[in-house]
Structure formats: structure tokens, C-alpha cells
N, C-alpha and C. Protein backbone atom coordinates (compact mmCIF):
# COMPACT_ATOMS: atom_id res chain seq x y z
N MET A 1 -21.91 -29.46 -0.27
CA MET A 1 -21.28 -29.43 -1.58
C MET A 1 -20.08 -30.48 -1.14
N THR A 2 -19.83 -31.01 -2.14
CA THR A 2 -18.44 -32.12 -2.38
C THR A 2 -17.81 -31.48 -3.35
N SER A 3 -16.75 -31.21 -3.22
CA SER A 3 -15.63 -31.13 -4.23
C SER A 3 -15.06 -32.33 -4.84
N GLN A 4 -14.69 -32.04 -6.27
CA GLN A 4 -14.51 -32.84 -7.19
C GLN A 4 -12.96 -32.93 -6.76
N PRO A 5 -12.23 -34.20 -6.59
CA PRO A 5 -10.66 -34.18 -6.65
C PRO A 5 -9.67 -33.24 -7.79
N GLN A 6 -10.64 -33.20 -9.22
CA GLN A 6 -9.82 -32.41 -10.21
C GLN A 6 -10.03 -30.75 -9.76
N TRP A 7 -11.13 -30.41 -9.23
CA TRP A 7 -11.40 -28.81 -8.89
C TRP A 7 -10.27 -28.49 -7.93
N ARG A 8 -9.93 -29.54 -7.10
CA ARG A 8 -8.63 -29.03 -5.89
C ARG A 8 -7.40 -28.56 -6.67
N GLN A 9 -7.12 -29.72 -7.59
CA GLN A 9 -5.94 -29.52 -8.19
C GLN A 9 -5.92 -27.91 -9.16
N LYS A 10 -7.06 -28.08 -9.80
CA LYS A 10 -7.27 -26.91 -10.64
C LYS A 10 -7.45 -25.78 -9.62
N PHE A 11 -7.96 -25.27 -8.74
CA PHE A 11 -7.61 -24.56 -7.80
C PHE A 11 -6.63 -24.01 -7.45
N THR A 12 -5.82 -25.16 -7.07
CA THR A 12 -4.53 -25.14 -6.61
C THR A 12 -3.72 -24.20 -7.72
N GLN A 13 -3.88 -24.96 -9.10
CA GLN A 13 -2.99 -24.31 -10.15
C GLN A 13 -3.27 -22.90 -10.24
N LYS A 14 -4.48 -22.41 -10.38
CA LYS A 14 -4.52 -21.34 -10.36
C LYS A 14 -4.69 -20.53 -9.58
N ALA A 15 -4.85 -20.95 -8.28
CA ALA A 15 -4.25 -19.76 -7.02
C ALA A 15 -2.79 -19.42 -7.32
N GLN A 16 -2.16 -20.69 -7.23
CA GLN A 16 -0.46 -20.64 -7.64
C GLN A 16 -0.09 -19.72 -8.78
N HIS A 17 -0.98 -19.88 -10.02
CA HIS A 17 -0.61 -18.48 -10.86
C HIS A 17 -0.88 -17.42 -10.54
N VAL A 18 -1.48 -17.03 -9.41
CA VAL A 18 -1.54 -15.36 -9.15
C VAL A 18 -0.72 -15.18 -7.74
N SER A 19 0.09 -15.95 -7.58
CA SER A 19 1.32 -16.02 -6.56
C SER A 19 0.52 -16.22 -5.11
N ALA A 20 -0.51 -17.03 -5.23
CA ALA A 20 -0.75 -17.59 -3.75
C ALA A 20 0.10 -18.61 -3.52
N ILE A 21 -0.02 -18.90 -1.83
CA ILE A 21 1.01 -19.76 -1.45
C ILE A 21 -0.22 -20.96 -0.91
N VAL A 22 -0.25 -21.90 -1.35
CA VAL A 22 -1.29 -22.84 -1.13
C VAL A 22 -0.63 -24.18 -0.69
N GLN A 23 -1.19 -24.54 0.94
CA GLN A 23 -0.70 -25.55 1.49
C GLN A 23 -1.78 -26.30 1.97
N SER A 24 -1.75 -27.62 1.98
CA SER A 24 -2.34 -28.50 2.91
C SER A 24 -2.59 -28.91 4.19
N VAL A 25 -3.69 -28.45 5.08
CA VAL A 25 -3.18 -28.75 6.21
C VAL A 25 -4.21 -29.99 7.03
N ALA A 26 -3.82 -30.80 7.85
CA ALA A 26 -4.75 -31.95 8.07
C ALA A 26 -6.21 -31.56 8.91
N ASP A 27 -5.55 -30.53 10.08
CA ASP A 27 -6.77 -30.05 10.96
C ASP A 27 -6.12 -28.47 11.36
N TYR A 28 -6.96 -28.04 12.26
CA TYR A 28 -7.18 -26.89 13.08
C TYR A 28 -5.76 -26.73 13.62
N GLU A 29 -5.47 -27.55 14.61
CA GLU A 29 -3.74 -27.38 15.11
C GLU A 29 -3.03 -26.90 14.01
N GLN A 30 -2.93 -27.74 12.85
CA GLN A 30 -1.67 -27.29 11.80
C GLN A 30 -2.06 -25.87 11.34
N ALA A 31 -3.45 -25.52 11.19
CA ALA A 31 -3.60 -23.86 10.54
C ALA A 31 -3.18 -23.02 11.69
N ALA A 32 -3.53 -23.42 12.96
CA ALA A 32 -3.11 -22.23 14.09
C ALA A 32 -1.65 -22.41 13.89
N ARG A 33 -1.17 -23.56 13.86
CA ARG A 33 0.40 -22.99 14.32
C ARG A 33 0.96 -22.75 12.93
N TYR A 34 0.40 -22.76 11.68
CA TYR A 34 1.19 -22.32 10.50
C TYR A 34 0.70 -20.39 10.51
N ALA A 35 -0.51 -20.41 10.96
CA ALA A 35 -0.58 -18.93 11.13
C ALA A 35 0.00 -18.28 11.98
N VAL A 36 0.06 -18.83 13.04
CA VAL A 36 1.46 -17.98 14.07
C VAL A 36 2.96 -18.31 13.83
N THR A 37 3.55 -18.83 13.32
CA THR A 37 4.59 -19.08 12.76
C THR A 37 4.59 -17.70 11.71
N ARG A 38 3.98 -17.23 10.75
CA ARG A 38 4.25 -16.35 9.85
C ARG A 38 4.31 -14.97 10.33
N CYS A 39 4.26 -14.78 11.55
CA CYS A 39 4.28 -13.81 12.43
C CYS A 39 5.72 -13.19 12.77
N PRO A 40 5.88 -12.04 12.39
CA PRO A 40 7.51 -11.89 13.02
C PRO A 40 7.74 -12.03 14.36
N ALA A 41 9.14 -12.04 14.48
CA ALA A 41 9.36 -12.28 16.22
C ALA A 41 9.93 -10.95 16.70
N HIS A 42 8.80 -10.13 17.07
CA HIS A 42 8.71 -8.83 17.67
C HIS A 42 8.03 -8.37 18.68
N GLU A 43 8.09 -7.84 19.56
CA GLU A 43 7.44 -7.39 20.38
C GLU A 43 5.91 -6.53 20.43
N ASN A 44 5.76 -6.08 18.56
CA ASN A 44 4.49 -5.80 18.11
C ASN A 44 3.67 -6.65 17.18
N ALA A 45 4.15 -7.30 17.30
CA ALA A 45 3.56 -8.45 16.36
C ALA A 45 1.84 -8.90 16.53
N LYS A 46 1.24 -8.55 15.63
CA LYS A 46 -0.27 -8.73 16.05
C LYS A 46 -0.69 -9.57 15.26
N LEU A 47 -2.00 -10.82 15.16
CA LEU A 47 -2.54 -11.52 14.21
C LEU A 47 -3.95 -10.98 14.46
N ALA A 48 -4.64 -10.84 13.96
CA ALA A 48 -5.89 -10.69 13.55
C ALA A 48 -6.70 -11.97 13.01
N ALA A 49 -7.71 -12.17 14.05
CA ALA A 49 -8.14 -13.81 13.53
C ALA A 49 -9.77 -13.74 13.93
N PRO A 50 -10.50 -12.57 13.34
CA PRO A 50 -12.21 -12.70 13.87
C PRO A 50 -13.03 -13.79 13.25
N GLY A 51 -14.01 -14.20 13.51
CA GLY A 51 -15.32 -14.88 13.16
C GLY A 51 -14.53 -16.51 12.70
N LEU A 52 -13.13 -16.82 13.51
CA LEU A 52 -13.14 -18.22 13.51
C LEU A 52 -14.23 -19.31 14.39
N PRO A 53 -14.33 -20.30 13.56
CA PRO A 53 -14.90 -21.28 14.48
C PRO A 53 -14.35 -21.65 15.93
N GLU A 54 -15.03 -21.92 16.63
CA GLU A 54 -14.38 -21.69 18.53
C GLU A 54 -13.20 -22.75 18.26
N THR A 55 -12.99 -23.83 17.96
CA THR A 55 -11.91 -24.65 18.19
C THR A 55 -10.82 -24.19 17.43
N LEU A 56 -11.05 -23.51 16.33
CA LEU A 56 -9.73 -22.99 15.87
C LEU A 56 -9.37 -21.45 16.41
N GLN A 57 -10.18 -20.67 17.14
CA GLN A 57 -10.10 -19.48 17.31
C GLN A 57 -9.24 -19.68 18.73
N PHE A 58 -9.83 -20.89 19.70
CA PHE A 58 -8.95 -21.22 20.84
C PHE A 58 -7.49 -21.84 20.73
N LEU A 59 -7.25 -22.31 19.53
CA LEU A 59 -5.77 -22.97 19.19
C LEU A 59 -5.04 -21.49 18.97
N VAL A 60 -5.70 -20.71 17.71
CA VAL A 60 -4.92 -19.62 17.42
C VAL A 60 -4.21 -18.88 18.99
N ALA A 61 -5.68 -18.64 19.60
CA ALA A 61 -5.36 -17.75 20.91
C ALA A 61 -4.18 -18.33 21.91
N ASP A 62 -4.36 -19.78 21.68
CA ASP A 62 -3.18 -20.41 22.57
C ASP A 62 -2.04 -20.36 22.05
N HIS A 63 -1.86 -20.66 20.53
CA HIS A 63 -0.50 -20.36 20.11
C HIS A 63 0.15 -19.04 20.19
N CYS A 64 -0.84 -18.27 20.10
CA CYS A 64 -0.22 -16.62 20.07
C CYS A 64 0.04 -16.25 21.55
N ARG A 65 -0.39 -16.58 22.37
CA ARG A 65 0.12 -16.91 24.15
C ARG A 65 0.97 -17.06 24.01
N GLN A 66 1.81 -18.13 23.73
CA GLN A 66 2.80 -18.91 23.96
C GLN A 66 3.93 -18.20 23.29
N ASN A 67 3.72 -17.67 22.20
CA ASN A 67 4.56 -17.03 21.45
C ASN A 67 4.70 -15.34 21.16
N ALA A 68 3.82 -14.87 22.46
CA ALA A 68 4.05 -13.38 22.92
C ALA A 68 3.24 -12.76 21.69
N ILE A 69 2.97 -13.08 20.71
CA ILE A 69 1.91 -12.33 19.91
C ILE A 69 0.62 -11.95 19.99
N ALA A 70 0.22 -10.67 20.06
CA ALA A 70 -1.39 -9.98 20.40
C ALA A 70 -2.12 -10.46 19.31
N TRP A 71 -2.98 -11.47 19.62
CA TRP A 71 -4.27 -12.08 19.43
C TRP A 71 -5.39 -11.37 19.23
N ILE A 72 -5.88 -10.81 17.98
CA ILE A 72 -6.81 -9.89 17.91
C ILE A 72 -8.02 -10.23 17.36
N ASP A 73 -9.36 -10.21 17.81
CA ASP A 73 -10.41 -10.45 17.02
C ASP A 73 -11.86 -9.79 17.13
N GLN A 74 -11.65 -8.54 17.78
CA GLN A 74 -12.59 -7.81 17.90
C GLN A 74 -12.04 -6.31 17.76
N ASN A 75 -13.11 -5.16 17.20
CA ASN A 75 -12.39 -3.90 16.91
C ASN A 75 -11.31 -3.80 16.03
N LEU A 76 -11.26 -4.41 15.01
CA LEU A 76 -9.96 -4.24 14.10
C LEU A 76 -9.94 -2.94 13.54
N ARG A 77 -10.97 -1.79 13.97
CA ARG A 77 -10.79 -1.00 12.94
C ARG A 77 -10.18 0.30 14.08
N ALA A 78 -9.42 0.38 15.25
CA ALA A 78 -8.81 0.30 16.17
C ALA A 78 -6.93 0.12 15.91
N TYR A 79 -7.02 -0.69 14.83
CA TYR A 79 -5.65 -0.89 14.43
C TYR A 79 -5.32 -0.44 13.17
N PRO A 80 -5.54 0.70 12.90
CA PRO A 80 -5.12 1.41 11.21
C PRO A 80 -4.06 1.11 10.90
N GLU A 81 -2.97 0.62 11.81
CA GLU A 81 -1.41 0.52 11.22
C GLU A 81 -1.57 -0.90 10.75
N GLY A 82 -2.52 -2.00 11.09
CA GLY A 82 -2.59 -3.04 10.38
C GLY A 82 -2.04 -4.22 11.11
N PHE A 83 -1.81 -5.43 10.65
CA PHE A 83 -1.25 -6.61 11.20
C PHE A 83 -0.71 -7.24 10.56
N ALA A 84 0.66 -7.74 11.56
CA ALA A 84 1.37 -9.14 10.67
C ALA A 84 0.90 -10.14 9.78
N VAL A 85 -0.39 -10.52 10.50
CA VAL A 85 -1.32 -11.85 9.70
C VAL A 85 -2.61 -11.53 9.99
N GLY A 86 -3.24 -11.59 8.65
CA GLY A 86 -4.66 -11.88 9.42
C GLY A 86 -5.04 -13.20 8.92
N LEU A 87 -6.29 -13.53 9.77
CA LEU A 87 -6.57 -15.41 9.50
C LEU A 87 -8.25 -15.50 9.31
N THR A 88 -8.42 -15.75 8.35
CA THR A 88 -9.94 -16.21 8.04
C THR A 88 -10.09 -17.18 7.49
N MET A 89 -11.65 -17.56 7.57
CA MET A 89 -12.01 -18.86 7.07
C MET A 89 -12.33 -18.33 6.00
N ALA A 90 -12.57 -19.34 4.73
CA ALA A 90 -13.07 -18.92 3.38
C ALA A 90 -14.44 -19.81 3.59
N ASP A 91 -15.09 -19.00 2.62
CA ASP A 91 -16.58 -20.19 2.33
C ASP A 91 -16.84 -20.84 1.37
N TYR A 92 -15.94 -20.15 0.34
CA TYR A 92 -15.98 -21.24 -1.06
C TYR A 92 -14.50 -20.96 -1.53
N GLY A 93 -14.09 -21.85 -2.42
CA GLY A 93 -13.12 -21.60 -3.52
C GLY A 93 -13.96 -21.68 -5.21
N ILE A 94 -13.58 -20.78 -5.62
CA ILE A 94 -13.56 -21.22 -7.07
C ILE A 94 -12.65 -21.72 -7.98
N ALA A 95 -12.64 -23.13 -8.31
CA ALA A 95 -11.68 -23.57 -8.96
C ALA A 95 -11.09 -23.16 -10.58
N ASP A 96 -12.07 -22.52 -10.86
CA ASP A 96 -11.65 -21.61 -12.43
C ASP A 96 -10.66 -20.61 -12.61
N THR A 97 -10.38 -20.06 -11.34
CA THR A 97 -9.90 -19.04 -11.12
C THR A 97 -8.81 -18.83 -10.33
N GLY A 98 -9.04 -19.72 -8.88
CA GLY A 98 -8.46 -19.69 -7.99
C GLY A 98 -8.81 -18.94 -6.78
N THR A 99 -9.96 -18.19 -7.13
CA THR A 99 -10.64 -17.05 -5.79
C THR A 99 -10.85 -17.83 -4.81
N LEU A 100 -10.96 -16.98 -3.64
CA LEU A 100 -11.54 -17.07 -2.42
C LEU A 100 -12.96 -16.28 -2.44
N VAL A 101 -14.04 -16.96 -1.81
CA VAL A 101 -15.11 -16.46 -1.68
C VAL A 101 -15.19 -16.37 -0.18
N ILE A 102 -15.13 -14.75 0.61
CA ILE A 102 -15.90 -14.70 2.06
C ILE A 102 -16.50 -13.83 1.89
N GLY A 103 -17.42 -14.70 2.70
CA GLY A 103 -19.17 -13.58 2.91
C GLY A 103 -19.34 -13.32 4.57
N SER A 104 -19.85 -11.74 4.58
CA SER A 104 -19.32 -11.60 6.12
C SER A 104 -20.30 -10.46 6.18
N ARG A 105 -21.07 -10.43 7.35
CA ARG A 105 -21.76 -9.40 7.98
C ARG A 105 -20.87 -8.47 8.98
N ASP A 106 -19.89 -9.11 9.03
CA ASP A 106 -18.84 -8.76 10.19
C ASP A 106 -18.03 -7.88 9.27
N GLU A 107 -17.74 -6.43 9.87
CA GLU A 107 -16.56 -5.44 9.39
C GLU A 107 -15.30 -6.10 9.75
N ASN A 108 -14.74 -6.60 10.97
CA ASN A 108 -13.91 -7.13 11.39
C ASN A 108 -12.99 -7.97 10.10
N LEU A 109 -14.23 -8.81 10.29
CA LEU A 109 -13.68 -9.96 9.38
C LEU A 109 -13.12 -9.80 7.83
N ARG A 110 -13.65 -8.53 7.41
CA ARG A 110 -13.49 -7.83 6.30
C ARG A 110 -11.79 -7.14 6.47
N LEU A 111 -12.13 -6.57 7.38
CA LEU A 111 -10.76 -5.66 7.95
C LEU A 111 -9.38 -6.51 8.04
N ALA A 112 -9.95 -7.87 8.50
CA ALA A 112 -8.55 -8.71 8.33
C ALA A 112 -8.18 -9.13 7.73
N THR A 113 -8.85 -9.37 6.15
CA THR A 113 -8.40 -9.67 5.05
C THR A 113 -7.53 -8.63 4.26
N MET A 114 -8.42 -7.26 4.47
CA MET A 114 -7.27 -6.12 3.80
C MET A 114 -6.23 -5.38 4.42
N LEU A 115 -6.35 -5.57 5.97
CA LEU A 115 -5.04 -4.79 6.90
C LEU A 115 -4.01 -5.44 7.15
N CYS A 116 -3.68 -6.35 6.61
CA CYS A 116 -2.50 -7.54 7.02
C CYS A 116 -1.36 -7.57 6.01
N ASP A 117 -0.07 -7.67 6.21
CA ASP A 117 0.91 -8.18 5.58
C ASP A 117 0.47 -9.26 5.03
N ILE A 118 0.39 -10.53 5.59
CA ILE A 118 -0.03 -11.86 5.04
C ILE A 118 -1.24 -11.95 5.25
N HIS A 119 -2.28 -12.33 4.39
CA HIS A 119 -3.52 -13.16 4.80
C HIS A 119 -3.37 -14.39 4.62
N ILE A 120 -3.96 -15.01 5.41
CA ILE A 120 -3.96 -16.54 5.34
C ILE A 120 -5.55 -17.09 5.49
N ALA A 121 -5.96 -17.83 4.86
CA ALA A 121 -7.57 -17.95 4.50
C ALA A 121 -7.62 -20.02 4.66
N VAL A 122 -8.36 -20.08 5.91
CA VAL A 122 -8.56 -21.52 5.74
C VAL A 122 -9.74 -21.83 4.84
N LEU A 123 -9.40 -22.95 4.12
CA LEU A 123 -10.54 -23.19 3.23
C LEU A 123 -10.75 -24.73 2.88
N PRO A 124 -11.83 -25.21 3.76
CA PRO A 124 -12.07 -26.40 3.67
C PRO A 124 -12.49 -27.30 2.49
N VAL A 125 -11.59 -28.03 1.62
CA VAL A 125 -11.56 -28.74 0.35
C VAL A 125 -12.84 -29.06 -0.23
N SER A 126 -13.93 -29.38 0.93
CA SER A 126 -15.33 -29.86 0.44
C SER A 126 -15.81 -28.54 -0.06
N CYS A 127 -15.27 -27.41 -0.18
CA CYS A 127 -16.15 -25.86 -0.29
C CYS A 127 -15.42 -25.44 -1.79
N ILE A 128 -14.47 -26.32 -2.09
CA ILE A 128 -14.21 -26.12 -3.70
C ILE A 128 -15.36 -26.30 -4.74
N CYS A 129 -15.66 -25.10 -5.50
CA CYS A 129 -16.46 -25.76 -6.66
C CYS A 129 -15.80 -25.39 -7.68
N GLU A 130 -16.61 -25.43 -9.29
CA GLU A 130 -15.87 -25.56 -10.24
C GLU A 130 -15.69 -24.17 -10.88
N LYS A 131 -17.10 -23.25 -10.56
CA LYS A 131 -17.07 -22.07 -11.40
C LYS A 131 -18.01 -21.15 -10.28
N ALA A 132 -17.92 -19.93 -10.57
CA ALA A 132 -18.68 -19.16 -9.44
C ALA A 132 -20.25 -19.51 -9.74
N GLU A 133 -20.65 -19.69 -10.83
CA GLU A 133 -22.34 -19.79 -11.07
C GLU A 133 -22.68 -21.06 -10.16
N ASP A 134 -21.44 -21.95 -9.64
CA ASP A 134 -22.16 -23.13 -8.84
C ASP A 134 -22.94 -22.47 -7.45
N ILE A 135 -22.14 -21.64 -6.68
CA ILE A 135 -22.85 -20.91 -5.46
C ILE A 135 -23.45 -19.49 -5.83
N ALA A 136 -24.15 -19.53 -7.03
CA ALA A 136 -24.94 -18.26 -7.35
C ALA A 136 -25.87 -18.11 -6.30
N ASP A 137 -26.69 -19.33 -5.96
CA ASP A 137 -27.84 -19.13 -4.93
C ASP A 137 -27.55 -18.92 -3.77
N GLN A 138 -26.29 -19.10 -2.98
CA GLN A 138 -25.66 -18.90 -2.01
C GLN A 138 -25.35 -17.34 -1.79
N LEU A 139 -24.73 -16.63 -3.00
CA LEU A 139 -24.45 -15.44 -3.10
C LEU A 139 -25.62 -14.47 -3.11
N SER A 140 -26.72 -14.86 -3.77
CA SER A 140 -28.01 -14.39 -3.99
C SER A 140 -28.79 -14.33 -2.69
N ALA A 141 -28.65 -15.41 -1.73
CA ALA A 141 -29.10 -15.34 -0.43
C ALA A 141 -28.48 -14.23 0.66
N TRP A 142 -27.24 -14.44 0.26
CA TRP A 142 -26.17 -13.43 1.35
C TRP A 142 -26.72 -11.87 0.61
N MET A 143 -27.20 -11.51 -0.39
CA MET A 143 -27.53 -10.29 -0.96
C MET A 143 -28.94 -10.07 -0.43
N GLN A 144 -29.84 -10.95 0.06
CA GLN A 144 -30.91 -10.45 -0.09
C GLN A 144 -30.79 -10.18 1.50
N THR A 145 -29.94 -10.58 2.56
CA THR A 145 -30.11 -10.17 3.38
C THR A 145 -29.45 -8.59 3.97
N GLY A 146 -29.39 -7.82 2.93
CA GLY A 146 -28.98 -6.44 3.41
C GLY A 146 -27.51 -6.45 2.99
N GLY A 147 -26.88 -5.12 3.21
CA GLY A 147 -25.76 -4.78 3.26
C GLY A 147 -24.44 -6.06 3.69
N ASP A 148 -23.46 -6.48 3.28
CA ASP A 148 -22.40 -6.90 3.75
C ASP A 148 -20.81 -7.05 2.92
N TYR A 149 -20.05 -7.49 3.55
CA TYR A 149 -18.60 -7.37 3.13
C TYR A 149 -18.35 -8.74 2.26
N THR A 150 -18.83 -9.14 1.44
CA THR A 150 -18.41 -10.72 0.41
C THR A 150 -17.45 -10.06 -0.27
N ALA A 151 -16.35 -10.79 0.00
CA ALA A 151 -14.98 -10.32 -0.98
C ALA A 151 -14.84 -11.81 -1.45
N PHE A 152 -14.04 -11.16 -3.26
CA PHE A 152 -13.73 -12.66 -3.64
C PHE A 152 -11.98 -12.08 -4.03
N ILE A 153 -11.35 -12.98 -3.60
CA ILE A 153 -10.04 -12.59 -3.26
C ILE A 153 -9.29 -13.64 -4.46
N THR A 154 -8.30 -12.90 -5.38
CA THR A 154 -7.68 -13.94 -6.23
C THR A 154 -6.39 -13.47 -6.00
N GLY A 155 -5.86 -13.90 -5.53
CA GLY A 155 -4.04 -13.45 -5.35
C GLY A 155 -4.00 -12.28 -4.32
N ALA A 156 -2.77 -11.87 -4.02
CA ALA A 156 -2.47 -10.86 -3.24
C ALA A 156 -2.73 -9.94 -4.01
N SER A 157 -2.85 -8.65 -3.11
CA SER A 157 -3.57 -7.45 -3.84
C SER A 157 -2.19 -6.71 -4.77
N ARG A 158 -2.71 -6.41 -5.74
CA ARG A 158 -1.70 -5.75 -6.87
C ARG A 158 -2.32 -4.99 -8.00
N THR A 159 -1.87 -4.14 -8.43
CA THR A 159 -2.55 -3.16 -9.48
C THR A 159 -0.90 -3.03 -10.59
N ALA A 160 -1.11 -2.46 -11.58
CA ALA A 160 -0.51 -1.84 -12.59
C ALA A 160 -1.00 -0.78 -12.89
N ASP A 161 -1.64 0.04 -12.51
CA ASP A 161 -2.22 1.23 -12.61
C ASP A 161 -1.00 2.58 -12.84
N ILE A 162 -0.36 2.20 -12.25
CA ILE A 162 0.74 3.26 -12.09
C ILE A 162 1.88 3.12 -13.16
N GLU A 163 1.62 3.74 -14.45
CA GLU A 163 2.24 3.87 -15.22
C GLU A 163 3.14 2.11 -15.95
N ARG A 164 1.83 0.95 -15.56
CA ARG A 164 1.78 -0.10 -15.88
C ARG A 164 3.14 -0.52 -15.23
N VAL A 165 3.29 -0.59 -13.98
CA VAL A 165 4.38 -0.67 -13.26
C VAL A 165 3.80 -1.86 -12.08
N LEU A 166 3.72 -3.35 -12.48
CA LEU A 166 3.37 -3.97 -11.12
C LEU A 166 3.50 -3.78 -9.96
N ALA A 167 2.57 -3.16 -8.76
CA ALA A 167 2.95 -3.19 -7.73
C ALA A 167 2.08 -4.13 -7.02
N ILE A 168 2.94 -4.79 -5.52
CA ILE A 168 2.13 -5.50 -4.67
C ILE A 168 1.79 -5.16 -3.50
N GLY A 169 0.30 -5.57 -3.35
CA GLY A 169 0.23 -4.90 -1.50
C GLY A 169 0.05 -3.53 -1.47
N VAL A 170 -0.47 -2.96 -2.59
CA VAL A 170 -0.99 -1.49 -2.53
C VAL A 170 -2.25 -1.31 -1.77
N HIS A 171 -3.52 -2.18 -2.14
CA HIS A 171 -4.77 -2.02 -1.50
C HIS A 171 -4.67 -3.47 -0.86
N GLY A 172 -3.90 -3.91 -0.05
CA GLY A 172 -4.21 -5.04 0.75
C GLY A 172 -2.76 -6.01 0.83
N PRO A 173 -2.95 -7.31 1.42
CA PRO A 173 -1.71 -8.11 1.52
C PRO A 173 -0.88 -8.29 0.57
N LEU A 174 0.44 -8.28 0.80
CA LEU A 174 1.81 -8.53 0.02
C LEU A 174 1.57 -10.14 -0.40
N GLU A 175 0.73 -10.88 0.68
CA GLU A 175 1.17 -12.16 0.33
C GLU A 175 -0.34 -12.93 1.07
N LEU A 176 -0.90 -13.88 0.02
CA LEU A 176 -2.23 -14.54 0.09
C LEU A 176 -1.54 -16.24 0.50
N HIS A 177 -1.93 -16.63 1.51
CA HIS A 177 -1.62 -18.17 1.64
C HIS A 177 -2.93 -18.84 2.11
N ILE A 178 -3.15 -19.84 1.25
CA ILE A 178 -4.39 -20.66 1.53
C ILE A 178 -4.00 -22.18 2.24
N LEU A 179 -4.98 -22.01 2.74
CA LEU A 179 -4.51 -23.73 3.46
C LEU A 179 -5.76 -24.26 3.36
N LEU A 180 -5.73 -25.74 2.63
CA LEU A 180 -6.42 -26.67 2.16
C LEU A 180 -6.83 -27.41 3.65
N LEU A 181 -8.33 -27.37 4.00
CA LEU A 181 -8.13 -27.98 5.25
C LEU A 181 -8.85 -29.11 4.75
N GLU A 182 -8.51 -30.77 5.26
CA GLU A 182 -8.97 -31.96 4.75
C GLU A 182 -9.95 -32.02 5.51
N ASP A 183 -11.11 -32.58 5.06
CA ASP A 183 -12.07 -32.74 5.49
C ASP A 183 -12.04 -33.64 6.88
N VAL A 184 -12.70 -33.44 7.86
CA VAL A 184 -12.59 -34.79 8.87
C VAL A 184 -13.62 -35.04 9.46
């Protein structure tokens, strides 16, 4: 799938309308540095980053070591207190709504998107499509292989269920950062 330039612009605008922070990064090095610098500078800082491509995984682990941040990529259920940052790869971006689509059969990946204060998703710009229907075949294929943790994420967690007062971060992250990865 090759993304059209206007879809990237529309995706960015729609994501920003729901309070997502959208940044462009040229490569995995910039993405790793961005994620690690969002962790607070204290001895209990944790960064959850399961299921990353090997190169990004290596860079994140290295930056975490250099900054005394605990890097966790397995058994996330053992950390019910959560993480400062959850770093994931997004499979698709939907321009019409500014939505990320993250498909996974791995519970750790899903937990990394939910048990963090800040969720940072790396989205290759070539994976931005115009509308959800554009990825219907892929979604159908994921559903044919049994239960999974596919997530559609539009902005940070929010609800207005309680007396119509908007509350941020009730069911997940307080912030959503989307790193648009330039195709290399």
C-alpha cells in the first residue's frame, strides 16, 4: 500500500483534533530517542516496548540502558502499576478519522497500549490509508486466524460518561504520540 500525500496531511489533522501529538521521524534512531526522552527521570521509570522490529528494539534497549530506564518487552501483565511509556508499531493509520490500527495476537502488545501514561505509536507513512474500508481485507484476514487484540485507537483515552464531564486517561493513556516514520 502506498499512501497518498493528502492522506498523510488529513491523518495528521484528524489525529491532532483528538489531542494526539503527531511528529515526523526520519528513522528508527529518532523514534527510539523520542520515546526514551518522554520517560520521567526517576529510578522507577519503565518503558514497555514489545513486538518491535529488531533494529528499533535494539535502539530502544540501548537508549534505555544509557538513561537508567527499565525496558520491558515481555510479561507485561506482571506490571499492573503500568509504565511511563508504551512504544508500539502501528499497522495502519486511517486518514478519515486519525485512527491507528494495531493488530496483534500478542497480549503484551495490547497491554503496552493500555497500561502506560504515554502511548507512542510508530506509523510508517506508507501505511496511511484513506478510510477503514481500504484495509477491510487485512482486518478480515486477522479475524480468520482466531482471537486477537486488534485495536483501533483514536486519540488518548477519554470519557464523558460521568455527569458529562470529560475525563482523560480513565481507561488508558493520558497522551497519544504518533511518530510518522518516513519510508526509507
